[in-house]
Amino acid sequence: LAAGQDAEHWEELGARIGEAFQVADDLRDALYDAETLGKPVGQDAAHDRPNAVSTLGVQGAIRRLKDILGGAIASIPSCQGEAMLADMVRRYAERMTPVAPALHQAEARR
C-alpha cells in the first residue's frame, strides 16, 4: 500500500497504532487474569509504572483507545487499498477493546 510513497505520510498512522497497542496492553494488564492472557498480569501496578488505566481509569482508557483508533483511521493517507486498510484497523480495534466480561470481573475485584 505504501510502496513508493513518502514515509512521512504514514508516520501518524504508525504512531497512533503503536499508542493504541500500548493502551490496549494497559487495559489487558488491569482487566484480565494471567490464565486468560497467558502472561503475568498486574505488572504495571506492582512496579508503579504509569499507564492509561491508572491515569484515566478503565472507562477513560477505553475511550482513549477508541479515540486513538478513530484518529488512526482518519490519518490513513489516500492510497490504493485505503478502504481495506481502514477496515483492517477497525477489525483490530474490535479485537483490542476489552470485552464486557473482563470489565465486569475488574469491577468485582475492586
PDB file of N, CA and C in Angstrom:
ATOM      1  N   LEU A   1       0.810  -1.198   0.000  1.00  0.00           N
ATOM      2  CA  LEU A   1       0.000   0.000   0.000  1.00  0.00           C
ATOM      3  C   LEU A   1       0.853   1.262   0.000  1.00  0.00           C
ATOM      4  N   ALA A   2       1.903   1.236   0.782  1.00  0.00           N
ATOM      5  CA  ALA A   2       2.720   2.440   0.935  1.00  0.00           C
ATOM      6  C   ALA A   2       3.927   2.458   0.006  1.00  0.00           C
ATOM      7  N   ALA A   3       4.098   1.428  -0.792  1.00  0.00           N
ATOM      8  CA  ALA A   3       5.273   1.351  -1.658  1.00  0.00           C
ATOM      9  C   ALA A   3       5.338   2.561  -2.577  1.00  0.00           C
ATOM     10  N   GLY A   4       6.489   3.177  -2.604  1.00  0.00           N
ATOM     11  CA  GLY A   4       6.705   4.311  -3.476  1.00  0.00           C
ATOM     12  C   GLY A   4       6.157   5.625  -2.949  1.00  0.00           C
ATOM     13  N   GLN A   5       5.586   5.618  -1.748  1.00  0.00           N
ATOM     14  CA  GLN A   5       5.039   6.852  -1.176  1.00  0.00           C
ATOM     15  C   GLN A   5       5.989   7.414  -0.131  1.00  0.00           C
ATOM     16  N   ASP A   6       5.836   8.681   0.151  1.00  0.00           N
ATOM     17  CA  ASP A   6       6.635   9.359   1.163  1.00  0.00           C
ATOM     18  C   ASP A   6       6.287   8.785   2.538  1.00  0.00           C
ATOM     19  N   ALA A   7       7.282   8.308   3.251  1.00  0.00           N
ATOM     20  CA  ALA A   7       7.056   7.689   4.568  1.00  0.00           C
ATOM     21  C   ALA A   7       6.439   8.658   5.567  1.00  0.00           C
ATOM     22  N   GLU A   8       6.696   9.938   5.388  1.00  0.00           N
ATOM     23  CA  GLU A   8       6.171  10.943   6.322  1.00  0.00           C
ATOM     24  C   GLU A   8       4.643  10.887   6.412  1.00  0.00           C
ATOM     25  N   HIS A   9       3.994  10.557   5.308  1.00  0.00           N
ATOM     26  CA  HIS A   9       2.535  10.490   5.297  1.00  0.00           C
ATOM     27  C   HIS A   9       2.006   9.339   6.153  1.00  0.00           C
ATOM     28  N   TRP A  10       2.845   8.383   6.445  1.00  0.00           N
ATOM     29  CA  TRP A  10       2.420   7.199   7.195  1.00  0.00           C
ATOM     30  C   TRP A  10       2.822   7.262   8.662  1.00  0.00           C
ATOM     31  N   GLU A  11       3.619   8.247   9.037  1.00  0.00           N
ATOM     32  CA  GLU A  11       4.131   8.323  10.412  1.00  0.00           C
ATOM     33  C   GLU A  11       3.023   8.451  11.451  1.00  0.00           C
ATOM     34  N   GLU A  12       2.026   9.282  11.196  1.00  0.00           N
ATOM     35  CA  GLU A  12       0.947   9.460  12.167  1.00  0.00           C
ATOM     36  C   GLU A  12       0.181   8.162  12.365  1.00  0.00           C
ATOM     37  N   LEU A  13      -0.093   7.460  11.279  1.00  0.00           N
ATOM     38  CA  LEU A  13      -0.791   6.178  11.387  1.00  0.00           C
ATOM     39  C   LEU A  13       0.012   5.214  12.252  1.00  0.00           C
ATOM     40  N   GLY A  14       1.300   5.109  11.995  1.00  0.00           N
ATOM     41  CA  GLY A  14       2.146   4.211  12.779  1.00  0.00           C
ATOM     42  C   GLY A  14       2.197   4.594  14.244  1.00  0.00           C
ATOM     43  N   ALA A  15       2.311   5.888  14.517  1.00  0.00           N
ATOM     44  CA  ALA A  15       2.358   6.355  15.910  1.00  0.00           C
ATOM     45  C   ALA A  15       1.051   6.058  16.625  1.00  0.00           C
ATOM     46  N   ARG A  16      -0.069   6.280  15.951  1.00  0.00           N
ATOM     47  CA  ARG A  16      -1.373   6.033  16.578  1.00  0.00           C
ATOM     48  C   ARG A  16      -1.597   4.544  16.836  1.00  0.00           C
ATOM     49  N   ILE A  17      -1.215   3.716  15.891  1.00  0.00           N
ATOM     50  CA  ILE A  17      -1.387   2.277  16.094  1.00  0.00           C
ATOM     51  C   ILE A  17      -0.491   1.809  17.235  1.00  0.00           C
ATOM     52  N   GLY A  18       0.729   2.314  17.310  1.00  0.00           N
ATOM     53  CA  GLY A  18       1.612   1.961  18.420  1.00  0.00           C
ATOM     54  C   GLY A  18       1.038   2.374  19.757  1.00  0.00           C
ATOM     55  N   GLU A  19       0.491   3.588  19.827  1.00  0.00           N
ATOM     56  CA  GLU A  19      -0.118   4.054  21.076  1.00  0.00           C
ATOM     57  C   GLU A  19      -1.347   3.216  21.423  1.00  0.00           C
ATOM     58  N   ALA A  20      -2.124   2.849  20.412  1.00  0.00           N
ATOM     59  CA  ALA A  20      -3.308   2.020  20.654  1.00  0.00           C
ATOM     60  C   ALA A  20      -2.916   0.672  21.248  1.00  0.00           C
ATOM     61  N   PHE A  21      -1.868   0.062  20.726  1.00  0.00           N
ATOM     62  CA  PHE A  21      -1.425  -1.217  21.275  1.00  0.00           C
ATOM     63  C   PHE A  21      -0.981  -1.057  22.728  1.00  0.00           C
ATOM     64  N   GLN A  22      -0.329   0.059  23.059  1.00  0.00           N
ATOM     65  CA  GLN A  22       0.108   0.281  24.440  1.00  0.00           C
ATOM     66  C   GLN A  22      -1.087   0.444  25.372  1.00  0.00           C
ATOM     67  N   VAL A  23      -2.077   1.235  24.972  1.00  0.00           N
ATOM     68  CA  VAL A  23      -3.269   1.425  25.805  1.00  0.00           C
ATOM     69  C   VAL A  23      -4.017   0.100  25.949  1.00  0.00           C
ATOM     70  N   ALA A  24      -4.128  -0.653  24.859  1.00  0.00           N
ATOM     71  CA  ALA A  24      -4.793  -1.955  24.924  1.00  0.00           C
ATOM     72  C   ALA A  24      -4.052  -2.893  25.873  1.00  0.00           C
ATOM     73  N   ASP A  25      -2.726  -2.867  25.840  1.00  0.00           N
ATOM     74  CA  ASP A  25      -1.943  -3.701  26.750  1.00  0.00           C
ATOM     75  C   ASP A  25      -2.155  -3.268  28.197  1.00  0.00           C
ATOM     76  N   ASP A  26      -2.233  -1.966  28.437  1.00  0.00           N
ATOM     77  CA  ASP A  26      -2.511  -1.469  29.789  1.00  0.00           C
ATOM     78  C   ASP A  26      -3.866  -1.973  30.273  1.00  0.00           C
ATOM     79  N   LEU A  27      -4.863  -1.950  29.393  1.00  0.00           N
ATOM     80  CA  LEU A  27      -6.195  -2.438  29.760  1.00  0.00           C
ATOM     81  C   LEU A  27      -6.168  -3.934  30.054  1.00  0.00           C
ATOM     82  N   ARG A  28      -5.503  -4.688  29.208  1.00  0.00           N
ATOM     83  CA  ARG A  28      -5.422  -6.140  29.442  1.00  0.00           C
ATOM     84  C   ARG A  28      -4.733  -6.431  30.773  1.00  0.00           C
ATOM     85  N   ASP A  29      -3.667  -5.699  31.057  1.00  0.00           N
ATOM     86  CA  ASP A  29      -2.922  -5.896  32.303  1.00  0.00           C
ATOM     87  C   ASP A  29      -3.815  -5.650  33.514  1.00  0.00           C
ATOM     88  N   ALA A  30      -4.729  -4.705  33.394  1.00  0.00           N
ATOM     89  CA  ALA A  30      -5.603  -4.354  34.515  1.00  0.00           C
ATOM     90  C   ALA A  30      -6.858  -5.217  34.586  1.00  0.00           C
ATOM     91  N   LEU A  31      -7.336  -5.723  33.452  1.00  0.00           N
ATOM     92  CA  LEU A  31      -8.657  -6.350  33.416  1.00  0.00           C
ATOM     93  C   LEU A  31      -8.670  -7.870  33.360  1.00  0.00           C
ATOM     94  N   TYR A  32      -7.634  -8.463  32.844  1.00  0.00           N
ATOM     95  CA  TYR A  32      -7.660  -9.908  32.636  1.00  0.00           C
ATOM     96  C   TYR A  32      -6.789 -10.617  33.660  1.00  0.00           C
ATOM     97  N   ASP A  33      -7.003 -11.920  33.771  1.00  0.00           N
ATOM     98  CA  ASP A  33      -6.167 -12.705  34.678  1.00  0.00           C
ATOM     99  C   ASP A  33      -5.045 -13.378  33.880  1.00  0.00           C
ATOM    100  N   ALA A  34      -4.062 -13.887  34.612  1.00  0.00           N
ATOM    101  CA  ALA A  34      -2.880 -14.480  33.979  1.00  0.00           C
ATOM    102  C   ALA A  34      -3.248 -15.677  33.109  1.00  0.00           C
ATOM    103  N   GLU A  35      -4.219 -16.449  33.545  1.00  0.00           N
ATOM    104  CA  GLU A  35      -4.620 -17.630  32.778  1.00  0.00           C
ATOM    105  C   GLU A  35      -5.197 -17.220  31.417  1.00  0.00           C
ATOM    106  N   THR A  36      -6.014 -16.201  31.414  1.00  0.00           N
ATOM    107  CA  THR A  36      -6.619 -15.734  30.165  1.00  0.00           C
ATOM    108  C   THR A  36      -5.568 -15.178  29.217  1.00  0.00           C
ATOM    109  N   LEU A  37      -4.646 -14.389  29.749  1.00  0.00           N
ATOM    110  CA  LEU A  37      -3.638 -13.749  28.904  1.00  0.00           C
ATOM    111  C   LEU A  37      -2.444 -14.638  28.597  1.00  0.00           C
ATOM    112  N   GLY A  38      -2.182 -15.598  29.453  1.00  0.00           N
ATOM    113  CA  GLY A  38      -1.012 -16.435  29.259  1.00  0.00           C
ATOM    114  C   GLY A  38       0.282 -15.743  29.641  1.00  0.00           C
ATOM    115  N   LYS A  39       0.169 -14.717  30.479  1.00  0.00           N
ATOM    116  CA  LYS A  39       1.351 -13.997  30.966  1.00  0.00           C
ATOM    117  C   LYS A  39       0.985 -13.346  32.292  1.00  0.00           C
ATOM    118  N   PRO A  40       1.984 -12.968  33.082  1.00  0.00           N
ATOM    119  CA  PRO A  40       1.679 -12.313  34.363  1.00  0.00           C
ATOM    120  C   PRO A  40       0.887 -11.025  34.143  1.00  0.00           C
ATOM    121  N   VAL A  41      -0.009 -10.728  35.067  1.00  0.00           N
ATOM    122  CA  VAL A  41      -0.803  -9.501  34.993  1.00  0.00           C
ATOM    123  C   VAL A  41      -0.543  -8.648  36.225  1.00  0.00           C
ATOM    124  N   GLY A  42      -1.002  -7.427  36.176  1.00  0.00           N
ATOM    125  CA  GLY A  42      -0.833  -6.516  37.305  1.00  0.00           C
ATOM    126  C   GLY A  42       0.570  -5.975  37.436  1.00  0.00           C
ATOM    127  N   GLN A  43       1.374  -6.137  36.395  1.00  0.00           N
ATOM    128  CA  GLN A  43       2.773  -5.720  36.470  1.00  0.00           C
ATOM    129  C   GLN A  43       2.929  -4.201  36.531  1.00  0.00           C
ATOM    130  N   ASP A  44       2.073  -3.485  35.826  1.00  0.00           N
ATOM    131  CA  ASP A  44       2.167  -2.019  35.871  1.00  0.00           C
ATOM    132  C   ASP A  44       1.927  -1.520  37.288  1.00  0.00           C
ATOM    133  N   ALA A  45       0.884  -2.018  37.924  1.00  0.00           N
ATOM    134  CA  ALA A  45       0.568  -1.593  39.292  1.00  0.00           C
ATOM    135  C   ALA A  45       1.657  -2.043  40.262  1.00  0.00           C
ATOM    136  N   ALA A  46       2.136  -3.277  40.099  1.00  0.00           N
ATOM    137  CA  ALA A  46       3.150  -3.818  41.008  1.00  0.00           C
ATOM    138  C   ALA A  46       4.453  -3.017  40.959  1.00  0.00           C
ATOM    139  N   HIS A  47       4.772  -2.480  39.806  1.00  0.00           N
ATOM    140  CA  HIS A  47       6.021  -1.730  39.633  1.00  0.00           C
ATOM    141  C   HIS A  47       5.789  -0.220  39.565  1.00  0.00           C
ATOM    142  N   ASP A  48       4.570   0.181  39.911  1.00  0.00           N
ATOM    143  CA  ASP A  48       4.201   1.599  39.938  1.00  0.00           C
ATOM    144  C   ASP A  48       4.554   2.309  38.632  1.00  0.00           C
ATOM    145  N   ARG A  49       4.264   1.623  37.517  1.00  0.00           N
ATOM    146  CA  ARG A  49       4.519   2.201  36.197  1.00  0.00           C
ATOM    147  C   ARG A  49       3.311   3.027  35.762  1.00  0.00           C
ATOM    148  N   PRO A  50       3.551   4.179  35.206  1.00  0.00           N
ATOM    149  CA  PRO A  50       2.417   4.948  34.682  1.00  0.00           C
ATOM    150  C   PRO A  50       1.780   4.188  33.520  1.00  0.00           C
ATOM    151  N   ASN A  51       0.478   4.233  33.453  1.00  0.00           N
ATOM    152  CA  ASN A  51      -0.227   3.574  32.363  1.00  0.00           C
ATOM    153  C   ASN A  51      -1.588   4.224  32.172  1.00  0.00           C
ATOM    154  N   ALA A  52      -2.231   3.894  31.080  1.00  0.00           N
ATOM    155  CA  ALA A  52      -3.504   4.533  30.732  1.00  0.00           C
ATOM    156  C   ALA A  52      -4.583   4.276  31.770  1.00  0.00           C
ATOM    157  N   VAL A  53      -4.615   3.082  32.349  1.00  0.00           N
ATOM    158  CA  VAL A  53      -5.664   2.752  33.316  1.00  0.00           C
ATOM    159  C   VAL A  53      -5.470   3.519  34.613  1.00  0.00           C
ATOM    160  N   SER A  54      -4.235   3.610  35.100  1.00  0.00           N
ATOM    161  CA  SER A  54      -4.019   4.345  36.352  1.00  0.00           C
ATOM    162  C   SER A  54      -4.241   5.843  36.157  1.00  0.00           C
ATOM    163  N   THR A  55      -3.984   6.339  34.967  1.00  0.00           N
ATOM    164  CA  THR A  55      -4.149   7.762  34.684  1.00  0.00           C
ATOM    165  C   THR A  55      -5.597   8.134  34.367  1.00  0.00           C
ATOM    166  N   LEU A  56      -6.261   7.311  33.556  1.00  0.00           N
ATOM    167  CA  LEU A  56      -7.588   7.656  33.038  1.00  0.00           C
ATOM    168  C   LEU A  56      -8.726   6.832  33.622  1.00  0.00           C
ATOM    169  N   GLY A  57      -8.394   5.749  34.340  1.00  0.00           N
ATOM    170  CA  GLY A  57      -9.429   4.809  34.765  1.00  0.00           C
ATOM    171  C   GLY A  57      -9.766   3.885  33.605  1.00  0.00           C
ATOM    172  N   VAL A  58     -10.471   2.807  33.901  1.00  0.00           N
ATOM    173  CA  VAL A  58     -10.780   1.815  32.868  1.00  0.00           C
ATOM    174  C   VAL A  58     -11.615   2.428  31.749  1.00  0.00           C
ATOM    175  N   GLN A  59     -12.714   3.067  32.104  1.00  0.00           N
ATOM    176  CA  GLN A  59     -13.584   3.633  31.062  1.00  0.00           C
ATOM    177  C   GLN A  59     -12.869   4.731  30.278  1.00  0.00           C
ATOM    178  N   GLY A  60     -12.084   5.537  30.956  1.00  0.00           N
ATOM    179  CA  GLY A  60     -11.323   6.576  30.268  1.00  0.00           C
ATOM    180  C   GLY A  60     -10.299   5.987  29.312  1.00  0.00           C
ATOM    181  N   ALA A  61      -9.647   4.901  29.731  1.00  0.00           N
ATOM    182  CA  ALA A  61      -8.666   4.244  28.861  1.00  0.00           C
ATOM    183  C   ALA A  61      -9.353   3.628  27.644  1.00  0.00           C
ATOM    184  N   ILE A  62     -10.539   3.075  27.843  1.00  0.00           N
ATOM    185  CA  ILE A  62     -11.283   2.520  26.704  1.00  0.00           C
ATOM    186  C   ILE A  62     -11.662   3.638  25.742  1.00  0.00           C
ATOM    187  N   ARG A  63     -12.136   4.755  26.270  1.00  0.00           N
ATOM    188  CA  ARG A  63     -12.460   5.901  25.406  1.00  0.00           C
ATOM    189  C   ARG A  63     -11.212   6.377  24.657  1.00  0.00           C
ATOM    190  N   ARG A  64     -10.095   6.440  25.369  1.00  0.00           N
ATOM    191  CA  ARG A  64      -8.834   6.870  24.749  1.00  0.00           C
ATOM    192  C   ARG A  64      -8.442   5.923  23.621  1.00  0.00           C
ATOM    193  N   LEU A  65      -8.569   4.628  23.870  1.00  0.00           N
ATOM    194  CA  LEU A  65      -8.250   3.631  22.849  1.00  0.00           C
ATOM    195  C   LEU A  65      -9.115   3.845  21.611  1.00  0.00           C
ATOM    196  N   LYS A  66     -10.399   4.040  21.817  1.00  0.00           N
ATOM    197  CA  LYS A  66     -11.299   4.257  20.679  1.00  0.00           C
ATOM    198  C   LYS A  66     -10.957   5.550  19.941  1.00  0.00           C
ATOM    199  N   ASP A  67     -10.619   6.602  20.689  1.00  0.00           N
ATOM    200  CA  ASP A  67     -10.226   7.871  20.059  1.00  0.00           C
ATOM    201  C   ASP A  67      -8.956   7.705  19.224  1.00  0.00           C
ATOM    202  N   ILE A  68      -7.986   7.000  19.788  1.00  0.00           N
ATOM    203  CA  ILE A  68      -6.724   6.784  19.067  1.00  0.00           C
ATOM    204  C   ILE A  68      -6.984   6.026  17.772  1.00  0.00           C
ATOM    205  N   LEU A  69      -7.790   4.971  17.856  1.00  0.00           N
ATOM    206  CA  LEU A  69      -8.055   4.160  16.674  1.00  0.00           C
ATOM    207  C   LEU A  69      -8.859   4.937  15.637  1.00  0.00           C
ATOM    208  N   GLY A  70      -9.792   5.771  16.094  1.00  0.00           N
ATOM    209  CA  GLY A  70     -10.513   6.633  15.158  1.00  0.00           C
ATOM    210  C   GLY A  70      -9.563   7.589  14.456  1.00  0.00           C
ATOM    211  N   GLY A  71      -8.627   8.137  15.214  1.00  0.00           N
ATOM    212  CA  GLY A  71      -7.624   9.019  14.631  1.00  0.00           C
ATOM    213  C   GLY A  71      -6.709   8.281  13.675  1.00  0.00           C
ATOM    214  N   ALA A  72      -6.410   7.023  14.000  1.00  0.00           N
ATOM    215  CA  ALA A  72      -5.569   6.216  13.111  1.00  0.00           C
ATOM    216  C   ALA A  72      -6.255   6.034  11.765  1.00  0.00           C
ATOM    217  N   ILE A  73      -7.537   5.715  11.805  1.00  0.00           N
ATOM    218  CA  ILE A  73      -8.280   5.532  10.556  1.00  0.00           C
ATOM    219  C   ILE A  73      -8.312   6.838   9.767  1.00  0.00           C
ATOM    220  N   ALA A  74      -8.557   7.934  10.459  1.00  0.00           N
ATOM    221  CA  ALA A  74      -8.615   9.238   9.788  1.00  0.00           C
ATOM    222  C   ALA A  74      -7.264   9.648   9.203  1.00  0.00           C
ATOM    223  N   SER A  75      -6.180   9.129   9.763  1.00  0.00           N
ATOM    224  CA  SER A  75      -4.846   9.532   9.306  1.00  0.00           C
ATOM    225  C   SER A  75      -4.317   8.695   8.143  1.00  0.00           C
ATOM    226  N   ILE A  76      -5.068   7.695   7.719  1.00  0.00           N
ATOM    227  CA  ILE A  76      -4.601   6.860   6.609  1.00  0.00           C
ATOM    228  C   ILE A  76      -4.487   7.731   5.360  1.00  0.00           C
ATOM    229  N   PRO A  77      -3.298   7.787   4.776  1.00  0.00           N
ATOM    230  CA  PRO A  77      -3.132   8.602   3.571  1.00  0.00           C
ATOM    231  C   PRO A  77      -3.967   8.049   2.416  1.00  0.00           C
ATOM    232  N   SER A  78      -4.353   8.915   1.538  1.00  0.00           N
ATOM    233  CA  SER A  78      -5.084   8.492   0.353  1.00  0.00           C
ATOM    234  C   SER A  78      -4.174   7.583  -0.469  1.00  0.00           C
ATOM    235  N   CYS A  79      -4.644   6.381  -0.711  1.00  0.00           N
ATOM    236  CA  CYS A  79      -3.837   5.414  -1.450  1.00  0.00           C
ATOM    237  C   CYS A  79      -4.744   4.306  -1.973  1.00  0.00           C
ATOM    238  N   GLN A  80      -4.192   3.517  -2.865  1.00  0.00           N
ATOM    239  CA  GLN A  80      -4.914   2.343  -3.320  1.00  0.00           C
ATOM    240  C   GLN A  80      -5.020   1.398  -2.124  1.00  0.00           C
ATOM    241  N   GLY A  81      -6.190   0.881  -1.846  1.00  0.00           N
ATOM    242  CA  GLY A  81      -6.370  -0.008  -0.707  1.00  0.00           C
ATOM    243  C   GLY A  81      -6.689   0.720   0.586  1.00  0.00           C
ATOM    244  N   GLU A  82      -6.957   2.020   0.504  1.00  0.00           N
ATOM    245  CA  GLU A  82      -7.246   2.824   1.698  1.00  0.00           C
ATOM    246  C   GLU A  82      -8.431   2.254   2.480  1.00  0.00           C
ATOM    247  N   ALA A  83      -9.505   1.892   1.796  1.00  0.00           N
ATOM    248  CA  ALA A  83     -10.694   1.351   2.464  1.00  0.00           C
ATOM    249  C   ALA A  83     -10.375   0.016   3.131  1.00  0.00           C
ATOM    250  N   MET A  84      -9.579  -0.809   2.465  1.00  0.00           N
ATOM    251  CA  MET A  84      -9.201  -2.102   3.027  1.00  0.00           C
ATOM    252  C   MET A  84      -8.370  -1.908   4.298  1.00  0.00           C
ATOM    253  N   LEU A  85      -7.454  -0.960   4.270  1.00  0.00           N
ATOM    254  CA  LEU A  85      -6.621  -0.685   5.437  1.00  0.00           C
ATOM    255  C   LEU A  85      -7.470  -0.147   6.587  1.00  0.00           C
ATOM    256  N   ALA A  86      -8.404   0.751   6.292  1.00  0.00           N
ATOM    257  CA  ALA A  86      -9.294   1.283   7.329  1.00  0.00           C
ATOM    258  C   ALA A  86     -10.110   0.157   7.950  1.00  0.00           C
ATOM    259  N   ASP A  87     -10.590  -0.765   7.127  1.00  0.00           N
ATOM    260  CA  ASP A  87     -11.358  -1.901   7.639  1.00  0.00           C
ATOM    261  C   ASP A  87     -10.488  -2.786   8.522  1.00  0.00           C
ATOM    262  N   MET A  88      -9.241  -2.983   8.137  1.00  0.00           N
ATOM    263  CA  MET A  88      -8.327  -3.791   8.939  1.00  0.00           C
ATOM    264  C   MET A  88      -8.086  -3.137  10.298  1.00  0.00           C
ATOM    265  N   VAL A  89      -7.898  -1.829  10.337  1.00  0.00           N
ATOM    266  CA  VAL A  89      -7.703  -1.123  11.610  1.00  0.00           C
ATOM    267  C   VAL A  89      -8.961  -1.257  12.466  1.00  0.00           C
ATOM    268  N   ARG A  90     -10.147  -1.156  11.862  1.00  0.00           N
ATOM    269  CA  ARG A  90     -11.404  -1.330  12.613  1.00  0.00           C
ATOM    270  C   ARG A  90     -11.485  -2.726  13.235  1.00  0.00           C
ATOM    271  N   ARG A  91     -11.118  -3.743  12.470  1.00  0.00           N
ATOM    272  CA  ARG A  91     -11.160  -5.122  12.997  1.00  0.00           C
ATOM    273  C   ARG A  91     -10.185  -5.286  14.157  1.00  0.00           C
ATOM    274  N   TYR A  92      -8.985  -4.735  14.025  1.00  0.00           N
ATOM    275  CA  TYR A  92      -8.029  -4.791  15.134  1.00  0.00           C
ATOM    276  C   TYR A  92      -8.566  -4.043  16.343  1.00  0.00           C
ATOM    277  N   ALA A  93      -9.249  -2.936  16.103  1.00  0.00           N
ATOM    278  CA  ALA A  93      -9.829  -2.160  17.207  1.00  0.00           C
ATOM    279  C   ALA A  93     -10.821  -3.008  17.986  1.00  0.00           C
ATOM    280  N   GLU A  94     -11.644  -3.744  17.287  1.00  0.00           N
ATOM    281  CA  GLU A  94     -12.614  -4.614  17.955  1.00  0.00           C
ATOM    282  C   GLU A  94     -11.903  -5.681  18.778  1.00  0.00           C
ATOM    283  N   ARG A  95     -10.835  -6.224  18.242  1.00  0.00           N
ATOM    284  CA  ARG A  95     -10.097  -7.270  18.963  1.00  0.00           C
ATOM    285  C   ARG A  95      -9.349  -6.715  20.164  1.00  0.00           C
ATOM    286  N   MET A  96      -8.889  -5.471  20.081  1.00  0.00           N
ATOM    287  CA  MET A  96      -8.091  -4.895  21.162  1.00  0.00           C
ATOM    288  C   MET A  96      -8.932  -4.351  22.304  1.00  0.00           C
ATOM    289  N   THR A  97     -10.177  -3.981  22.035  1.00  0.00           N
ATOM    290  CA  THR A  97     -11.015  -3.377  23.062  1.00  0.00           C
ATOM    291  C   THR A  97     -11.520  -4.465  23.998  1.00  0.00           C
ATOM    292  N   PRO A  98     -11.334  -4.308  25.309  1.00  0.00           N
ATOM    293  CA  PRO A  98     -11.776  -5.330  26.261  1.00  0.00           C
ATOM    294  C   PRO A  98     -13.262  -5.621  26.118  1.00  0.00           C
ATOM    295  N   VAL A  99     -13.594  -6.886  26.300  1.00  0.00           N
ATOM    296  CA  VAL A  99     -14.992  -7.301  26.202  1.00  0.00           C
ATOM    297  C   VAL A  99     -15.679  -7.158  27.551  1.00  0.00           C
ATOM    298  N   ALA A 100     -16.990  -7.125  27.534  1.00  0.00           N
ATOM    299  CA  ALA A 100     -17.788  -6.888  28.738  1.00  0.00           C
ATOM    300  C   ALA A 100     -17.437  -7.813  29.903  1.00  0.00           C
ATOM    301  N   PRO A 101     -17.259  -9.137  29.707  1.00  0.00           N
ATOM    302  CA  PRO A 101     -16.946  -9.984  30.871  1.00  0.00           C
ATOM    303  C   PRO A 101     -15.689  -9.535  31.620  1.00  0.00           C
ATOM    304  N   ALA A 102     -14.679  -9.097  30.900  1.00  0.00           N
ATOM    305  CA  ALA A 102     -13.452  -8.635  31.564  1.00  0.00           C
ATOM    306  C   ALA A 102     -13.734  -7.375  32.371  1.00  0.00           C
ATOM    307  N   LEU A 103     -14.569  -6.506  31.847  1.00  0.00           N
ATOM    308  CA  LEU A 103     -14.911  -5.282  32.571  1.00  0.00           C
ATOM    309  C   LEU A 103     -15.656  -5.607  33.857  1.00  0.00           C
ATOM    310  N   HIS A 104     -16.588  -6.564  33.781  1.00  0.00           N
ATOM    311  CA  HIS A 104     -17.348  -6.952  34.976  1.00  0.00           C
ATOM    312  C   HIS A 104     -16.443  -7.609  36.016  1.00  0.00           C
ATOM    313  N   GLN A 105     -15.509  -8.441  35.571  1.00  0.00           N
ATOM    314  CA  GLN A 105     -14.570  -9.077  36.505  1.00  0.00           C
ATOM    315  C   GLN A 105     -13.707  -8.030  37.188  1.00  0.00           C
ATOM    316  N   ALA A 106     -13.274  -7.040  36.448  1.00  0.00           N
ATOM    317  CA  ALA A 106     -12.439  -5.985  37.032  1.00  0.00           C
ATOM    318  C   ALA A 106     -13.221  -5.195  38.072  1.00  0.00           C
ATOM    319  N   GLU A 107     -14.477  -4.913  37.787  1.00  0.00           N
ATOM    320  CA  GLU A 107     -15.314  -4.180  38.745  1.00  0.00           C
ATOM    321  C   GLU A 107     -15.478  -4.997  40.025  1.00  0.00           C
ATOM    322  N   ALA A 108     -15.645  -6.307  39.887  1.00  0.00           N
ATOM    323  CA  ALA A 108     -15.839  -7.176  41.053  1.00  0.00           C
ATOM    324  C   ALA A 108     -14.584  -7.244  41.915  1.00  0.00           C
ATOM    325  N   ARG A 109     -13.400  -7.126  41.293  1.00  0.00           N
ATOM    326  CA  ARG A 109     -12.142  -7.197  42.050  1.00  0.00           C
ATOM    327  C   ARG A 109     -11.898  -5.933  42.857  1.00  0.00           C
ATOM    328  N   ARG A 110     -12.551  -4.842  42.524  1.00  0.00           N
ATOM    329  CA  ARG A 110     -12.296  -3.560  43.201  1.00  0.00           C
ATOM    330  C   ARG A 110     -13.067  -3.447  44.454  1.00  0.00           C
TER     331      ARG A 110
END
